[in-house]
Every structure is written in structure tokens, then in C-alpha cells.
């Protein structure tokens, strides 16, 4: 999802409300990006809460897929 200038893309990384509130991740988060034959990013037909549902759509329509993993973002974690 392209960012809307107000952090929409960033919010997709957070798994819990407290992460969005303080801006630090306390859990491992994953996301994928798919690309077609021309190198253009493939977006799902629609986003839903369950990543497994829209990931399938992206993977099925992509030539290449990149996995992104966000580890916990504070030293106490």
C-alpha cells in the first residue's frame, strides 16, 4: 500500500495498538511486496485484516516477491 502521507503504510507493520501509540514495534511483523514482469509493484485487489488472504492474491499475480521482516524496535525487547 502506498503511504498516504499520514503513515498508512507504516500502520500496516504494527501488530498491536500500543505499537501504533508509541511508534515502536514490540513484536515481529512481516509484509510482502510483489512485482510483475515489468518490475511494477503488484497491489492486492483489496486489503483485509488477515494478511494470509491478500498475500495469496499478491503472490498469484507476481513474478517476484520480496519478504520484509520487522524485528522489535526497542532495546528492551
PDB file of N, CA and C in Angstrom:
ATOM      1  N   UNK A   1       0.843  -1.167   0.000  1.00  0.00           N
ATOM      2  CA  UNK A   1       0.000   0.000   0.000  1.00  0.00           C
ATOM      3  C   UNK A   1       0.894   1.237   0.000  1.00  0.00           C
ATOM      4  N   UNK A   2       0.705   2.127  -0.950  1.00  0.00           N
ATOM      5  CA  UNK A   2       1.459   3.379  -0.918  1.00  0.00           C
ATOM      6  C   UNK A   2       1.062   4.183   0.319  1.00  0.00           C
ATOM      7  N   UNK A   3       2.010   4.913   0.850  1.00  0.00           N
ATOM      8  CA  UNK A   3       1.709   5.721   2.026  1.00  0.00           C
ATOM      9  C   UNK A   3       0.852   6.913   1.625  1.00  0.00           C
ATOM     10  N   UNK A   4      -0.021   7.325   2.525  1.00  0.00           N
ATOM     11  CA  UNK A   4      -0.917   8.448   2.257  1.00  0.00           C
ATOM     12  C   UNK A   4      -0.380   9.760   2.817  1.00  0.00           C
ATOM     13  N   UNK A   5       0.862   9.763   3.292  1.00  0.00           N
ATOM     14  CA  UNK A   5       1.442  10.965   3.883  1.00  0.00           C
ATOM     15  C   UNK A   5       1.110  11.122   5.359  1.00  0.00           C
ATOM     16  N   UNK A   6       0.239  10.241   5.871  1.00  0.00           N
ATOM     17  CA  UNK A   6      -0.139  10.274   7.282  1.00  0.00           C
ATOM     18  C   UNK A   6       0.199   8.947   7.970  1.00  0.00           C
ATOM     19  N   UNK A   7       1.049   8.146   7.338  1.00  0.00           N
ATOM     20  CA  UNK A   7       1.527   6.920   7.965  1.00  0.00           C
ATOM     21  C   UNK A   7       0.713   5.670   7.705  1.00  0.00           C
ATOM     22  N   UNK A   8      -0.116   5.651   6.671  1.00  0.00           N
ATOM     23  CA  UNK A   8      -0.949   4.471   6.394  1.00  0.00           C
ATOM     24  C   UNK A   8      -0.100   3.229   6.159  1.00  0.00           C
ATOM     25  N   UNK A   9       0.981   3.343   5.414  1.00  0.00           N
ATOM     26  CA  UNK A   9       1.839   2.185   5.148  1.00  0.00           C
ATOM     27  C   UNK A   9       2.532   1.730   6.429  1.00  0.00           C
ATOM     28  N   UNK A  10       2.942   2.655   7.245  1.00  0.00           N
ATOM     29  CA  UNK A  10       3.624   2.326   8.498  1.00  0.00           C
ATOM     30  C   UNK A  10       2.700   1.573   9.449  1.00  0.00           C
ATOM     31  N   UNK A  11       1.432   1.939   9.476  1.00  0.00           N
ATOM     32  CA  UNK A  11       0.482   1.283  10.366  1.00  0.00           C
ATOM     33  C   UNK A  11       0.294  -0.192  10.037  1.00  0.00           C
ATOM     34  N   UNK A  12       0.575  -0.594   8.811  1.00  0.00           N
ATOM     35  CA  UNK A  12       0.426  -1.995   8.422  1.00  0.00           C
ATOM     36  C   UNK A  12       1.467  -2.883   9.101  1.00  0.00           C
ATOM     37  N   UNK A  13       2.544  -2.291   9.604  1.00  0.00           N
ATOM     38  CA  UNK A  13       3.603  -3.062  10.261  1.00  0.00           C
ATOM     39  C   UNK A  13       3.243  -3.379  11.709  1.00  0.00           C
ATOM     40  N   UNK A  14       2.456  -2.536  12.333  1.00  0.00           N
ATOM     41  CA  UNK A  14       2.128  -2.732  13.746  1.00  0.00           C
ATOM     42  C   UNK A  14       1.131  -3.870  13.932  1.00  0.00           C
ATOM     43  N   UNK A  15       1.407  -4.723  14.928  1.00  0.00           N
ATOM     44  CA  UNK A  15       0.505  -5.827  15.256  1.00  0.00           C
ATOM     45  C   UNK A  15      -0.423  -5.505  16.414  1.00  0.00           C
ATOM     46  N   UNK A  16      -0.071  -4.526  17.231  1.00  0.00           N
ATOM     47  CA  UNK A  16      -0.834  -4.205  18.433  1.00  0.00           C
ATOM     48  C   UNK A  16      -1.052  -2.699  18.539  1.00  0.00           C
ATOM     49  N   UNK A  17      -2.133  -2.325  19.222  1.00  0.00           N
ATOM     50  CA  UNK A  17      -2.480  -0.907  19.372  1.00  0.00           C
ATOM     51  C   UNK A  17      -1.378  -0.119  20.070  1.00  0.00           C
ATOM     52  N   UNK A  18      -0.736  -0.707  21.096  1.00  0.00           N
ATOM     53  CA  UNK A  18       0.300   0.041  21.815  1.00  0.00           C
ATOM     54  C   UNK A  18       1.499   0.353  20.911  1.00  0.00           C
ATOM     55  N   UNK A  19       1.731  -0.455  19.887  1.00  0.00           N
ATOM     56  CA  UNK A  19       2.829  -0.179  18.960  1.00  0.00           C
ATOM     57  C   UNK A  19       2.524   1.078  18.144  1.00  0.00           C
ATOM     58  N   UNK A  20       1.303   1.203  17.684  1.00  0.00           N
ATOM     59  CA  UNK A  20       0.914   2.395  16.925  1.00  0.00           C
ATOM     60  C   UNK A  20       0.928   3.634  17.813  1.00  0.00           C
ATOM     61  N   UNK A  21       0.561   3.468  19.083  1.00  0.00           N
ATOM     62  CA  UNK A  21       0.523   4.601  20.011  1.00  0.00           C
ATOM     63  C   UNK A  21       1.914   5.152  20.295  1.00  0.00           C
ATOM     64  N   UNK A  22       2.882   4.251  20.569  1.00  0.00           N
ATOM     65  CA  UNK A  22       4.216   4.746  20.923  1.00  0.00           C
ATOM     66  C   UNK A  22       5.205   4.721  19.755  1.00  0.00           C
ATOM     67  N   UNK A  23       4.795   4.157  18.617  1.00  0.00           N
ATOM     68  CA  UNK A  23       5.645   4.180  17.428  1.00  0.00           C
ATOM     69  C   UNK A  23       6.768   3.168  17.412  1.00  0.00           C
ATOM     70  N   UNK A  24       6.751   2.215  18.375  1.00  0.00           N
ATOM     71  CA  UNK A  24       7.796   1.190  18.427  1.00  0.00           C
ATOM     72  C   UNK A  24       7.160  -0.189  18.352  1.00  0.00           C
ATOM     73  N   UNK A  25       7.752  -1.036  17.554  1.00  0.00           N
ATOM     74  CA  UNK A  25       7.241  -2.395  17.468  1.00  0.00           C
ATOM     75  C   UNK A  25       7.775  -3.231  18.620  1.00  0.00           C
ATOM     76  N   UNK A  26       6.906  -4.049  19.192  1.00  0.00           N
ATOM     77  CA  UNK A  26       7.305  -4.945  20.282  1.00  0.00           C
ATOM     78  C   UNK A  26       7.109  -6.394  19.874  1.00  0.00           C
ATOM     79  N   UNK A  27       6.805  -6.616  18.614  1.00  0.00           N
ATOM     80  CA  UNK A  27       6.607  -7.969  18.093  1.00  0.00           C
ATOM     81  C   UNK A  27       7.205  -8.037  16.694  1.00  0.00           C
ATOM     82  N   UNK A  28       7.419  -9.240  16.233  1.00  0.00           N
ATOM     83  CA  UNK A  28       7.937  -9.429  14.883  1.00  0.00           C
ATOM     84  C   UNK A  28       6.776  -9.255  13.899  1.00  0.00           C
ATOM     85  N   UNK A  29       6.989  -8.428  12.890  1.00  0.00           N
ATOM     86  CA  UNK A  29       5.960  -8.187  11.875  1.00  0.00           C
ATOM     87  C   UNK A  29       6.510  -8.584  10.510  1.00  0.00           C
ATOM     88  N   UNK A  30       5.624  -9.037   9.647  1.00  0.00           N
ATOM     89  CA  UNK A  30       6.027  -9.429   8.299  1.00  0.00           C
ATOM     90  C   UNK A  30       5.094  -8.788   7.279  1.00  0.00           C
ATOM     91  N   UNK A  31       5.640  -8.517   6.117  1.00  0.00           N
ATOM     92  CA  UNK A  31       4.862  -7.995   4.997  1.00  0.00           C
ATOM     93  C   UNK A  31       5.548  -8.482   3.733  1.00  0.00           C
ATOM     94  N   UNK A  32       4.829  -8.476   2.624  1.00  0.00           N
ATOM     95  CA  UNK A  32       5.422  -8.850   1.348  1.00  0.00           C
ATOM     96  C   UNK A  32       5.169  -7.761   0.323  1.00  0.00           C
ATOM     97  N   UNK A  33       6.006  -7.735  -0.690  1.00  0.00           N
ATOM     98  CA  UNK A  33       5.811  -6.868  -1.848  1.00  0.00           C
ATOM     99  C   UNK A  33       5.973  -7.745  -3.072  1.00  0.00           C
ATOM    100  N   UNK A  34       5.016  -7.678  -3.978  1.00  0.00           N
ATOM    101  CA  UNK A  34       5.085  -8.446  -5.208  1.00  0.00           C
ATOM    102  C   UNK A  34       5.377  -7.532  -6.385  1.00  0.00           C
ATOM    103  N   UNK A  35       6.049  -8.084  -7.403  1.00  0.00           N
ATOM    104  CA  UNK A  35       6.400  -7.312  -8.596  1.00  0.00           C
ATOM    105  C   UNK A  35       6.076  -8.127  -9.837  1.00  0.00           C
ATOM    106  N   UNK A  36       5.557  -7.467 -10.865  1.00  0.00           N
ATOM    107  CA  UNK A  36       5.227  -8.157 -12.118  1.00  0.00           C
ATOM    108  C   UNK A  36       6.449  -8.238 -13.021  1.00  0.00           C
ATOM    109  N   UNK A  37       6.260  -8.742 -14.256  1.00  0.00           N
ATOM    110  CA  UNK A  37       7.365  -8.929 -15.202  1.00  0.00           C
ATOM    111  C   UNK A  37       8.074  -7.622 -15.547  1.00  0.00           C
ATOM    112  N   UNK A  38       7.337  -6.507 -15.468  1.00  0.00           N
ATOM    113  CA  UNK A  38       7.901  -5.193 -15.804  1.00  0.00           C
ATOM    114  C   UNK A  38       8.575  -4.522 -14.619  1.00  0.00           C
ATOM    115  N   UNK A  39       8.530  -5.162 -13.464  1.00  0.00           N
ATOM    116  CA  UNK A  39       9.131  -4.576 -12.272  1.00  0.00           C
ATOM    117  C   UNK A  39       8.212  -3.640 -11.515  1.00  0.00           C
ATOM    118  N   UNK A  40       6.946  -3.558 -11.923  1.00  0.00           N
ATOM    119  CA  UNK A  40       5.982  -2.701 -11.225  1.00  0.00           C
ATOM    120  C   UNK A  40       5.405  -3.458 -10.039  1.00  0.00           C
ATOM    121  N   UNK A  41       5.168  -2.717  -8.956  1.00  0.00           N
ATOM    122  CA  UNK A  41       4.639  -3.354  -7.761  1.00  0.00           C
ATOM    123  C   UNK A  41       3.209  -3.820  -7.995  1.00  0.00           C
ATOM    124  N   UNK A  42       2.916  -5.012  -7.489  1.00  0.00           N
ATOM    125  CA  UNK A  42       1.580  -5.597  -7.566  1.00  0.00           C
ATOM    126  C   UNK A  42       0.875  -5.347  -6.239  1.00  0.00           C
ATOM    127  N   UNK A  43      -0.273  -4.706  -6.303  1.00  0.00           N
ATOM    128  CA  UNK A  43      -1.074  -4.450  -5.110  1.00  0.00           C
ATOM    129  C   UNK A  43      -2.255  -5.410  -5.080  1.00  0.00           C
ATOM    130  N   UNK A  44      -2.707  -5.804  -3.891  1.00  0.00           N
ATOM    131  CA  UNK A  44      -3.875  -6.688  -3.833  1.00  0.00           C
ATOM    132  C   UNK A  44      -5.121  -5.970  -4.337  1.00  0.00           C
ATOM    133  N   UNK A  45      -6.094  -6.751  -4.772  1.00  0.00           N
ATOM    134  CA  UNK A  45      -7.360  -6.179  -5.229  1.00  0.00           C
ATOM    135  C   UNK A  45      -7.996  -5.370  -4.111  1.00  0.00           C
ATOM    136  N   UNK A  46      -7.896  -5.879  -2.885  1.00  0.00           N
ATOM    137  CA  UNK A  46      -8.353  -5.120  -1.712  1.00  0.00           C
ATOM    138  C   UNK A  46      -7.611  -5.627  -0.486  1.00  0.00           C
ATOM    139  N   UNK A  47      -7.385  -4.722   0.448  1.00  0.00           N
ATOM    140  CA  UNK A  47      -6.711  -5.094   1.689  1.00  0.00           C
ATOM    141  C   UNK A  47      -7.748  -5.561   2.699  1.00  0.00           C
ATOM    142  N   UNK A  48      -7.412  -6.603   3.430  1.00  0.00           N
ATOM    143  CA  UNK A  48      -8.239  -7.100   4.521  1.00  0.00           C
ATOM    144  C   UNK A  48      -7.329  -7.308   5.720  1.00  0.00           C
ATOM    145  N   UNK A  49      -7.915  -7.429   6.902  1.00  0.00           N
ATOM    146  CA  UNK A  49      -7.121  -7.595   8.118  1.00  0.00           C
ATOM    147  C   UNK A  49      -6.222  -8.820   8.060  1.00  0.00           C
ATOM    148  N   UNK A  50      -6.732  -9.908   7.543  1.00  0.00           N
ATOM    149  CA  UNK A  50      -5.986 -11.157   7.505  1.00  0.00           C
ATOM    150  C   UNK A  50      -4.983 -11.130   6.345  1.00  0.00           C
ATOM    151  N   UNK A  51      -3.702 -11.008   6.679  1.00  0.00           N
ATOM    152  CA  UNK A  51      -2.660 -10.928   5.650  1.00  0.00           C
ATOM    153  C   UNK A  51      -2.639 -12.166   4.762  1.00  0.00           C
ATOM    154  N   UNK A  52      -2.964 -13.314   5.319  1.00  0.00           N
ATOM    155  CA  UNK A  52      -2.946 -14.539   4.512  1.00  0.00           C
ATOM    156  C   UNK A  52      -3.883 -14.439   3.315  1.00  0.00           C
ATOM    157  N   UNK A  53      -4.961 -13.705   3.442  1.00  0.00           N
ATOM    158  CA  UNK A  53      -5.924 -13.589   2.352  1.00  0.00           C
ATOM    159  C   UNK A  53      -5.417 -12.692   1.234  1.00  0.00           C
ATOM    160  N   UNK A  54      -4.843 -11.531   1.538  1.00  0.00           N
ATOM    161  CA  UNK A  54      -4.377 -10.679   0.440  1.00  0.00           C
ATOM    162  C   UNK A  54      -2.984 -11.065  -0.031  1.00  0.00           C
ATOM    163  N   UNK A  55      -2.201 -11.734   0.793  1.00  0.00           N
ATOM    164  CA  UNK A  55      -0.894 -12.214   0.337  1.00  0.00           C
ATOM    165  C   UNK A  55      -1.064 -13.212  -0.802  1.00  0.00           C
ATOM    166  N   UNK A  56      -2.045 -14.084  -0.705  1.00  0.00           N
ATOM    167  CA  UNK A  56      -2.289 -15.069  -1.765  1.00  0.00           C
ATOM    168  C   UNK A  56      -2.552 -14.368  -3.087  1.00  0.00           C
ATOM    169  N   UNK A  57      -3.343 -13.324  -3.057  1.00  0.00           N
ATOM    170  CA  UNK A  57      -3.645 -12.540  -4.262  1.00  0.00           C
ATOM    171  C   UNK A  57      -2.373 -11.941  -4.848  1.00  0.00           C
ATOM    172  N   UNK A  58      -1.550 -11.332  -4.008  1.00  0.00           N
ATOM    173  CA  UNK A  58      -0.306 -10.703  -4.473  1.00  0.00           C
ATOM    174  C   UNK A  58       0.647 -11.752  -5.050  1.00  0.00           C
ATOM    175  N   UNK A  59       0.831 -12.853  -4.348  1.00  0.00           N
ATOM    176  CA  UNK A  59       1.752 -13.905  -4.808  1.00  0.00           C
ATOM    177  C   UNK A  59       1.291 -14.493  -6.144  1.00  0.00           C
ATOM    178  N   UNK A  60       0.000 -14.749  -6.268  1.00  0.00           N
ATOM    179  CA  UNK A  60      -0.522 -15.350  -7.501  1.00  0.00           C
ATOM    180  C   UNK A  60      -0.368 -14.449  -8.719  1.00  0.00           C
ATOM    181  N   UNK A  61      -0.317 -13.131  -8.516  1.00  0.00           N
ATOM    182  CA  UNK A  61      -0.223 -12.207  -9.644  1.00  0.00           C
ATOM    183  C   UNK A  61       1.175 -11.630  -9.831  1.00  0.00           C
ATOM    184  N   UNK A  62       2.149 -12.137  -9.085  1.00  0.00           N
ATOM    185  CA  UNK A  62       3.502 -11.584  -9.126  1.00  0.00           C
ATOM    186  C   UNK A  62       4.491 -12.533  -9.777  1.00  0.00           C
ATOM    187  N   UNK A  63       5.498 -11.940 -10.383  1.00  0.00           N
ATOM    188  CA  UNK A  63       6.634 -12.692 -10.935  1.00  0.00           C
ATOM    189  C   UNK A  63       7.694 -12.891  -9.847  1.00  0.00           C
ATOM    190  N   UNK A  64       7.849 -11.860  -8.999  1.00  0.00           N
ATOM    191  CA  UNK A  64       8.814 -11.898  -7.892  1.00  0.00           C
ATOM    192  C   UNK A  64       8.159 -11.355  -6.635  1.00  0.00           C
ATOM    193  N   UNK A  65       8.557 -11.932  -5.503  1.00  0.00           N
ATOM    194  CA  UNK A  65       8.010 -11.497  -4.209  1.00  0.00           C
ATOM    195  C   UNK A  65       9.168 -11.235  -3.261  1.00  0.00           C
ATOM    196  N   UNK A  66       9.098 -10.124  -2.561  1.00  0.00           N
ATOM    197  CA  UNK A  66      10.092  -9.763  -1.556  1.00  0.00           C
ATOM    198  C   UNK A  66       9.417  -9.852  -0.191  1.00  0.00           C
ATOM    199  N   UNK A  67      10.050 -10.532   0.750  1.00  0.00           N
ATOM    200  CA  UNK A  67       9.542 -10.625   2.121  1.00  0.00           C
ATOM    201  C   UNK A  67      10.266  -9.608   2.986  1.00  0.00           C
ATOM    202  N   UNK A  68       9.510  -8.847   3.734  1.00  0.00           N
ATOM    203  CA  UNK A  68      10.061  -7.856   4.656  1.00  0.00           C
ATOM    204  C   UNK A  68       9.740  -8.292   6.079  1.00  0.00           C
ATOM    205  N   UNK A  69      10.751  -8.262   6.943  1.00  0.00           N
ATOM    206  CA  UNK A  69      10.568  -8.650   8.341  1.00  0.00           C
ATOM    207  C   UNK A  69      11.016  -7.500   9.218  1.00  0.00           C
ATOM    208  N   UNK A  70      10.139  -7.084  10.113  1.00  0.00           N
ATOM    209  CA  UNK A  70      10.459  -6.014  11.056  1.00  0.00           C
ATOM    210  C   UNK A  70      10.635  -6.650  12.426  1.00  0.00           C
ATOM    211  N   UNK A  71      11.841  -6.531  12.977  1.00  0.00           N
ATOM    212  CA  UNK A  71      12.091  -7.043  14.310  1.00  0.00           C
ATOM    213  C   UNK A  71      11.754  -5.969  15.331  1.00  0.00           C
ATOM    214  N   UNK A  72      11.657  -6.370  16.564  1.00  0.00           N
ATOM    215  CA  UNK A  72      11.279  -5.426  17.625  1.00  0.00           C
ATOM    216  C   UNK A  72      12.152  -4.199  17.599  1.00  0.00           C
ATOM    217  N   UNK A  73      11.529  -3.028  17.809  1.00  0.00           N
ATOM    218  CA  UNK A  73      12.208  -1.767  17.577  1.00  0.00           C
ATOM    219  C   UNK A  73      12.746  -1.045  18.781  1.00  0.00           C
ATOM    220  N   UNK A  74      12.910  -1.689  19.904  1.00  0.00           N
ATOM    221  CA  UNK A  74      13.457  -1.014  21.074  1.00  0.00           C
ATOM    222  C   UNK A  74      14.368  -1.979  21.803  1.00  0.00           C
ATOM    223  N   UNK A  75      15.426  -1.441  22.390  1.00  0.00           N
ATOM    224  CA  UNK A  75      16.434  -2.301  23.028  1.00  0.00           C
ATOM    225  C   UNK A  75      15.877  -3.180  24.154  1.00  0.00           C
ATOM    226  N   UNK A  76      14.811  -2.756  24.831  1.00  0.00           N
ATOM    227  CA  UNK A  76      14.272  -3.596  25.916  1.00  0.00           C
ATOM    228  C   UNK A  76      13.567  -4.829  25.369  1.00  0.00           C
ATOM    229  N   UNK A  77      13.227  -4.840  24.104  1.00  0.00           N
ATOM    230  CA  UNK A  77      12.588  -6.014  23.504  1.00  0.00           C
ATOM    231  C   UNK A  77      13.644  -6.939  22.957  1.00  0.00           C
TER     232      UNK A  77
END
